[in-house]
Amino acid sequence: MKEKTIQEILDMSQAFSSGKRVLLMFVLKRGPMGYTSIVKSFQNMGVPIGSSEVYKHLDHLMKGGFISKNIKSYILTLKGFKAVDNTVDIIDTPATVPEIKLTFKKSR
């Protein structure tokens, strides 16, 4: 693997290293939100989150290019939308183990 690809994978993992961070992207999929709306969304879901924690997650997601800030609102970027959509696809995919078959071929 190329060094750039390895670094991109490591950077991407930072966005997904926290369930609250991923949940924050799902919250922002509804539309642009300010800090107060984000905190209320978490409260409505019964997920406790502190103010410094919200800013830490917002900062990680902005650095990773998943969200952007427009004046006082945070919004998902195209990369953020794809991350949310692919996460839903992964959640909906069964953890099926592939069948492995051994075959023997005659050697020449």
C-alpha atoms as a PDB file:
ATOM      1  CA  MET A   1       0.000   0.000   0.000  1.00  0.00           C
ATOM      2  CA  LYS A   2       1.138   3.511  -0.679  1.00  0.00           C
ATOM      3  CA  GLU A   3       2.174   5.652   2.278  1.00  0.00           C
ATOM      4  CA  LYS A   4      -0.534   8.237   1.433  1.00  0.00           C
ATOM      5  CA  THR A   5      -3.229   5.539   1.422  1.00  0.00           C
ATOM      6  CA  ILE A   6      -2.060   4.217   4.787  1.00  0.00           C
ATOM      7  CA  GLN A   7      -2.194   7.702   6.287  1.00  0.00           C
ATOM      8  CA  GLU A   8      -5.671   8.295   4.824  1.00  0.00           C
ATOM      9  CA  ILE A   9      -6.891   5.050   6.397  1.00  0.00           C
ATOM     10  CA  LEU A  10      -5.448   6.080   9.750  1.00  0.00           C
ATOM     11  CA  ASP A  11      -7.029   9.540   9.449  1.00  0.00           C
ATOM     12  CA  MET A  12     -10.386   8.014   8.514  1.00  0.00           C
ATOM     13  CA  SER A  13     -10.269   5.737  11.540  1.00  0.00           C
ATOM     14  CA  GLN A  14     -10.168   8.819  13.765  1.00  0.00           C
ATOM     15  CA  ALA A  15     -13.639   9.797  12.574  1.00  0.00           C
ATOM     16  CA  PHE A  16     -14.990   6.340  13.383  1.00  0.00           C
ATOM     17  CA  SER A  17     -13.088   5.818  16.633  1.00  0.00           C
ATOM     18  CA  SER A  18     -16.010   7.185  18.639  1.00  0.00           C
ATOM     19  CA  GLY A  19     -19.627   6.082  18.478  1.00  0.00           C
ATOM     20  CA  LYS A  20     -20.712   9.593  19.454  1.00  0.00           C
ATOM     21  CA  ARG A  21     -18.723  11.013  16.559  1.00  0.00           C
ATOM     22  CA  VAL A  22     -20.475   8.703  14.101  1.00  0.00           C
ATOM     23  CA  LEU A  23     -23.817   9.486  15.749  1.00  0.00           C
ATOM     24  CA  LEU A  24     -23.047  13.192  15.335  1.00  0.00           C
ATOM     25  CA  MET A  25     -22.737  12.687  11.573  1.00  0.00           C
ATOM     26  CA  PHE A  26     -26.138  10.957  11.578  1.00  0.00           C
ATOM     27  CA  VAL A  27     -27.593  13.933  13.491  1.00  0.00           C
ATOM     28  CA  LEU A  28     -26.160  16.387  10.973  1.00  0.00           C
ATOM     29  CA  LYS A  29     -27.598  14.391   8.086  1.00  0.00           C
ATOM     30  CA  ARG A  30     -30.970  15.924   9.022  1.00  0.00           C
ATOM     31  CA  GLY A  31     -29.576  19.330   8.070  1.00  0.00           C
ATOM     32  CA  PRO A  32     -27.332  22.148   9.280  1.00  0.00           C
ATOM     33  CA  MET A  33     -27.333  22.582  13.057  1.00  0.00           C
ATOM     34  CA  GLY A  34     -25.807  24.824  15.621  1.00  0.00           C
ATOM     35  CA  TYR A  35     -24.182  23.670  18.837  1.00  0.00           C
ATOM     36  CA  THR A  36     -27.395  23.958  20.901  1.00  0.00           C
ATOM     37  CA  SER A  37     -29.424  21.878  18.425  1.00  0.00           C
ATOM     38  CA  ILE A  38     -26.728  19.220  18.386  1.00  0.00           C
ATOM     39  CA  VAL A  39     -26.739  18.953  22.183  1.00  0.00           C
ATOM     40  CA  LYS A  40     -30.566  18.800  22.240  1.00  0.00           C
ATOM     41  CA  SER A  41     -30.517  16.025  19.608  1.00  0.00           C
ATOM     42  CA  PHE A  42     -28.217  13.954  21.808  1.00  0.00           C
ATOM     43  CA  GLN A  43     -30.379  14.651  24.867  1.00  0.00           C
ATOM     44  CA  ASN A  44     -33.528  13.611  22.958  1.00  0.00           C
ATOM     45  CA  MET A  45     -31.823  10.307  22.085  1.00  0.00           C
ATOM     46  CA  GLY A  46     -30.844   9.792  25.726  1.00  0.00           C
ATOM     47  CA  VAL A  47     -27.121   9.972  24.935  1.00  0.00           C
ATOM     48  CA  PRO A  48     -25.198  12.086  27.462  1.00  0.00           C
ATOM     49  CA  ILE A  49     -22.616  14.428  25.959  1.00  0.00           C
ATOM     50  CA  GLY A  50     -20.687  17.324  27.481  1.00  0.00           C
ATOM     51  CA  SER A  51     -19.959  20.634  25.813  1.00  0.00           C
ATOM     52  CA  SER A  52     -16.203  20.053  25.548  1.00  0.00           C
ATOM     53  CA  GLU A  53     -16.934  16.596  24.122  1.00  0.00           C
ATOM     54  CA  VAL A  54     -19.185  18.080  21.399  1.00  0.00           C
ATOM     55  CA  TYR A  55     -16.487  20.535  20.352  1.00  0.00           C
ATOM     56  CA  LYS A  56     -13.836  17.778  20.361  1.00  0.00           C
ATOM     57  CA  HIS A  57     -15.968  15.631  18.029  1.00  0.00           C
ATOM     58  CA  LEU A  58     -16.826  18.583  15.779  1.00  0.00           C
ATOM     59  CA  ASP A  59     -13.127  19.424  15.519  1.00  0.00           C
ATOM     60  CA  HIS A  60     -12.180  15.835  14.565  1.00  0.00           C
ATOM     61  CA  LEU A  61     -14.925  15.678  11.935  1.00  0.00           C
ATOM     62  CA  MET A  62     -13.935  19.062  10.455  1.00  0.00           C
ATOM     63  CA  LYS A  63     -10.263  18.069  10.294  1.00  0.00           C
ATOM     64  CA  GLY A  64     -11.265  14.838   8.543  1.00  0.00           C
ATOM     65  CA  GLY A  65     -13.379  16.737   6.007  1.00  0.00           C
ATOM     66  CA  PHE A  66     -16.656  15.100   7.087  1.00  0.00           C
ATOM     67  CA  ILE A  67     -18.324  18.341   8.190  1.00  0.00           C
ATOM     68  CA  SER A  68     -17.955  22.024   7.560  1.00  0.00           C
ATOM     69  CA  LYS A  69     -18.918  25.118   9.527  1.00  0.00           C
ATOM     70  CA  ASN A  70     -21.003  27.878   7.998  1.00  0.00           C
ATOM     71  CA  ILE A  71     -21.169  30.847  10.384  1.00  0.00           C
ATOM     72  CA  LYS A  72     -22.808  29.178  13.448  1.00  0.00           C
ATOM     73  CA  SER A  73     -24.041  25.985  11.806  1.00  0.00           C
ATOM     74  CA  TYR A  74     -22.322  22.693  11.136  1.00  0.00           C
ATOM     75  CA  ILE A  75     -23.170  20.760   7.988  1.00  0.00           C
ATOM     76  CA  LEU A  76     -22.149  17.439   6.463  1.00  0.00           C
ATOM     77  CA  THR A  77     -19.875  17.540   3.454  1.00  0.00           C
ATOM     78  CA  LEU A  78     -20.275  15.079   0.578  1.00  0.00           C
ATOM     79  CA  LYS A  79     -17.647  12.932   2.306  1.00  0.00           C
ATOM     80  CA  GLY A  80     -19.778  13.017   5.472  1.00  0.00           C
ATOM     81  CA  PHE A  81     -22.927  11.991   3.579  1.00  0.00           C
ATOM     82  CA  LYS A  82     -21.060   9.061   2.025  1.00  0.00           C
ATOM     83  CA  ALA A  83     -19.724   8.042   5.441  1.00  0.00           C
ATOM     84  CA  VAL A  84     -23.257   7.981   6.882  1.00  0.00           C
ATOM     85  CA  ASP A  85     -24.732   6.134   3.899  1.00  0.00           C
ATOM     86  CA  ASN A  86     -21.936   3.538   3.866  1.00  0.00           C
ATOM     87  CA  THR A  87     -22.309   3.065   7.623  1.00  0.00           C
ATOM     88  CA  VAL A  88     -26.002   2.277   7.108  1.00  0.00           C
ATOM     89  CA  ASP A  89     -25.048  -0.217   4.374  1.00  0.00           C
ATOM     90  CA  ILE A  90     -22.552  -1.882   6.702  1.00  0.00           C
ATOM     91  CA  ILE A  91     -25.101  -2.043   9.538  1.00  0.00           C
ATOM     92  CA  ASP A  92     -27.627  -3.658   7.195  1.00  0.00           C
ATOM     93  CA  THR A  93     -25.120  -6.243   5.908  1.00  0.00           C
ATOM     94  CA  PRO A  94     -25.316  -9.630   7.624  1.00  0.00           C
ATOM     95  CA  ALA A  95     -22.099 -11.007   9.069  1.00  0.00           C
ATOM     96  CA  THR A  96     -22.178 -14.045   6.825  1.00  0.00           C
ATOM     97  CA  VAL A  97     -19.077 -16.184   6.701  1.00  0.00           C
ATOM     98  CA  PRO A  98     -18.187 -17.196   3.137  1.00  0.00           C
ATOM     99  CA  GLU A  99     -18.116 -20.875   2.311  1.00  0.00           C
ATOM    100  CA  ILE A 100     -14.615 -22.083   1.607  1.00  0.00           C
ATOM    101  CA  LYS A 101     -14.106 -25.129  -0.599  1.00  0.00           C
ATOM    102  CA  LEU A 102     -10.860 -26.951  -1.059  1.00  0.00           C
ATOM    103  CA  THR A 103     -10.090 -28.402  -4.447  1.00  0.00           C
ATOM    104  CA  PHE A 104      -7.198 -30.456  -5.606  1.00  0.00           C
ATOM    105  CA  LYS A 105      -5.793 -30.248  -9.084  1.00  0.00           C
ATOM    106  CA  LYS A 106      -3.556 -32.837 -10.628  1.00  0.00           C
ATOM    107  CA  SER A 107      -0.039 -31.668 -11.010  1.00  0.00           C
ATOM    108  CA  ARG A 108       1.524 -32.005 -14.394  1.00  0.00           C
END
